């Protein structure tokens, strides 16, 4: 088995230990911040499974071991999140938690800024409702 790319985000962050710290802090913030209430509600009561999935996904996405795809196949993020109504509020609350976690956990300002921008694009891509109060979750079938 070859070593992960030394210039990968995974290695720049500090490998698995640093990635676990980032993911764990992200979910602690989601659990603690009243400002994250809406996005927290669409997660299971216990966040351990969510944290493990995010850690596994980010490991491969950041150039480390492809844990998620080895276990579950292609991430297909939009499809996997389709059962949940993700609107602008959920996106912004998710990003609030991630931005705070990155600020606390990533000392390299250039890396932190790049990750914030990358996560923002991913979060924007996950939005599947317009977030209007009278709008129920979209009814498009995903084949």
Protein backbone atom coordinates (compact mmCIF):
# COMPACT_ATOMS: atom_id res chain seq x y z
CA UNK A 1 0.00 0.00 0.00
CA UNK A 2 1.46 3.35 -1.00
CA UNK A 3 1.69 6.32 1.34
CA UNK A 4 -0.82 9.12 0.85
CA UNK A 5 0.35 12.05 -1.26
CA UNK A 6 2.52 14.26 1.02
CA UNK A 7 1.08 17.41 -0.53
CA UNK A 8 -2.50 16.22 -0.19
CA UNK A 9 -4.97 18.10 1.99
CA UNK A 10 -5.11 14.95 4.13
CA UNK A 11 -1.39 15.19 4.89
CA UNK A 12 -1.41 19.00 5.19
CA UNK A 13 -4.15 18.69 7.82
CA UNK A 14 -2.12 16.15 9.79
CA UNK A 15 -3.59 12.82 8.67
CA UNK A 16 -6.28 10.72 10.33
CA UNK A 17 -5.87 12.14 13.86
CA UNK A 18 -6.31 15.73 12.71
CA UNK A 19 -9.21 14.81 10.46
CA UNK A 20 -10.95 13.03 13.38
CA UNK A 21 -10.47 16.17 15.51
CA UNK A 22 -11.98 18.37 12.79
CA UNK A 23 -14.99 16.10 12.23
CA UNK A 24 -15.60 15.58 15.94
CA UNK A 25 -15.43 19.32 16.63
CA UNK A 26 -17.79 19.99 13.70
CA UNK A 27 -20.43 17.68 15.18
CA UNK A 28 -19.87 19.01 18.72
CA UNK A 29 -20.62 22.48 17.40
CA UNK A 30 -23.70 21.22 15.55
CA UNK A 31 -24.90 19.64 18.80
CA UNK A 32 -24.14 22.69 20.97
CA UNK A 33 -24.97 25.77 18.90
CA UNK A 34 -28.56 27.02 19.02
CA UNK A 35 -27.79 28.60 15.62
CA UNK A 36 -27.44 25.08 14.19
CA UNK A 37 -30.81 23.81 15.42
CA UNK A 38 -32.41 23.35 11.99
CA UNK A 39 -29.55 21.36 10.46
CA UNK A 40 -29.14 19.35 13.68
CA UNK A 41 -32.80 18.22 13.44
CA UNK A 42 -32.19 16.41 10.12
CA UNK A 43 -29.41 14.33 11.70
CA UNK A 44 -29.93 11.25 13.88
CA UNK A 45 -30.12 11.72 17.64
CA UNK A 46 -26.69 10.14 17.99
CA UNK A 47 -24.07 11.69 15.73
CA UNK A 48 -21.44 8.92 15.88
CA UNK A 49 -22.55 7.36 12.58
CA UNK A 50 -22.66 10.73 10.85
CA UNK A 51 -19.19 11.56 12.17
CA UNK A 52 -17.78 8.23 10.99
CA UNK A 53 -19.28 8.69 7.51
CA UNK A 54 -17.98 12.25 7.20
CA UNK A 55 -14.52 11.19 8.41
CA UNK A 56 -14.43 8.32 5.90
CA UNK A 57 -15.65 10.54 3.06
CA UNK A 58 -13.21 13.38 3.82
CA UNK A 59 -10.31 10.94 4.17
CA UNK A 60 -10.62 9.95 0.51
CA UNK A 61 -11.77 13.37 -0.71
CA UNK A 62 -8.70 14.98 0.85
CA UNK A 63 -6.28 12.49 -0.70
CA UNK A 64 -5.93 10.00 2.14
CA UNK A 65 -7.19 6.42 2.29
CA UNK A 66 -10.49 6.03 0.34
CA UNK A 67 -12.33 4.61 3.36
CA UNK A 68 -15.82 5.69 2.32
CA UNK A 69 -15.70 4.44 -1.27
CA UNK A 70 -14.09 1.16 -0.14
CA UNK A 71 -17.02 0.58 2.21
CA UNK A 72 -20.00 2.16 0.42
CA UNK A 73 -19.00 2.87 -3.17
CA UNK A 74 -19.19 6.24 -4.88
CA UNK A 75 -20.30 8.95 -2.42
CA UNK A 76 -23.11 10.36 -4.63
CA UNK A 77 -23.65 13.09 -2.06
CA UNK A 78 -26.76 14.66 -3.54
CA UNK A 79 -28.46 11.29 -3.96
CA UNK A 80 -27.59 10.20 -0.40
CA UNK A 81 -28.99 13.48 0.97
CA UNK A 82 -32.10 13.47 -1.25
CA UNK A 83 -34.37 12.09 1.51
CA UNK A 84 -33.63 15.21 3.58
CA UNK A 85 -34.91 18.70 2.88
CA UNK A 86 -31.72 20.75 2.59
CA UNK A 87 -32.48 24.42 2.09
CA UNK A 88 -30.48 27.62 2.49
CA UNK A 89 -30.98 27.58 6.29
CA UNK A 90 -29.59 24.04 6.68
CA UNK A 91 -26.71 24.88 4.31
CA UNK A 92 -25.81 28.04 6.21
CA UNK A 93 -26.03 26.33 9.60
CA UNK A 94 -23.87 23.45 8.34
CA UNK A 95 -21.32 25.96 7.05
CA UNK A 96 -21.36 27.89 10.34
CA UNK A 97 -20.33 24.72 12.19
CA UNK A 98 -17.72 23.78 9.58
CA UNK A 99 -16.28 27.31 9.43
CA UNK A 100 -15.90 27.40 13.23
CA UNK A 101 -14.38 23.91 13.31
CA UNK A 102 -11.91 24.86 10.57
CA UNK A 103 -11.01 28.08 12.39
CA UNK A 104 -10.30 26.14 15.59
CA UNK A 105 -8.58 23.11 14.04
CA UNK A 106 -6.63 24.35 10.99
CA UNK A 107 -3.76 26.71 11.75
CA UNK A 108 -2.61 27.12 8.12
CA UNK A 109 -4.63 30.15 6.97
CA UNK A 110 -4.23 29.39 3.25
CA UNK A 111 -5.37 25.81 3.73
CA UNK A 112 -8.26 26.93 5.97
CA UNK A 113 -9.43 29.49 3.38
CA UNK A 114 -9.21 26.92 0.57
CA UNK A 115 -11.16 24.36 2.61
CA UNK A 116 -13.80 26.91 3.56
CA UNK A 117 -14.29 27.75 -0.12
CA UNK A 118 -14.43 24.06 -1.08
CA UNK A 119 -16.93 23.22 1.66
CA UNK A 120 -19.07 26.22 0.65
CA UNK A 121 -19.28 24.93 -2.93
CA UNK A 122 -20.17 21.46 -1.66
CA UNK A 123 -22.79 22.87 0.73
CA UNK A 124 -24.32 24.98 -2.07
CA UNK A 125 -24.50 21.84 -4.22
CA UNK A 126 -26.42 19.96 -1.50
CA UNK A 127 -29.34 22.40 -1.43
CA UNK A 128 -32.42 20.62 -2.79
CA UNK A 129 -35.24 22.96 -1.69
CA UNK A 130 -35.75 26.69 -1.90
CA UNK A 131 -36.34 26.85 1.83
CA UNK A 132 -39.69 28.63 1.63
CA UNK A 133 -41.96 27.86 4.60
CA UNK A 134 -44.86 26.58 2.49
CA UNK A 135 -42.69 24.48 0.24
CA UNK A 136 -42.70 20.81 1.14
CA UNK A 137 -39.68 18.71 0.27
CA UNK A 138 -39.30 18.23 -3.47
CA UNK A 139 -41.20 15.30 -4.89
CA UNK A 140 -38.89 14.33 -7.73
CA UNK A 141 -38.24 10.62 -7.82
CA UNK A 142 -34.58 9.61 -7.98
CA UNK A 143 -34.08 6.52 -10.08
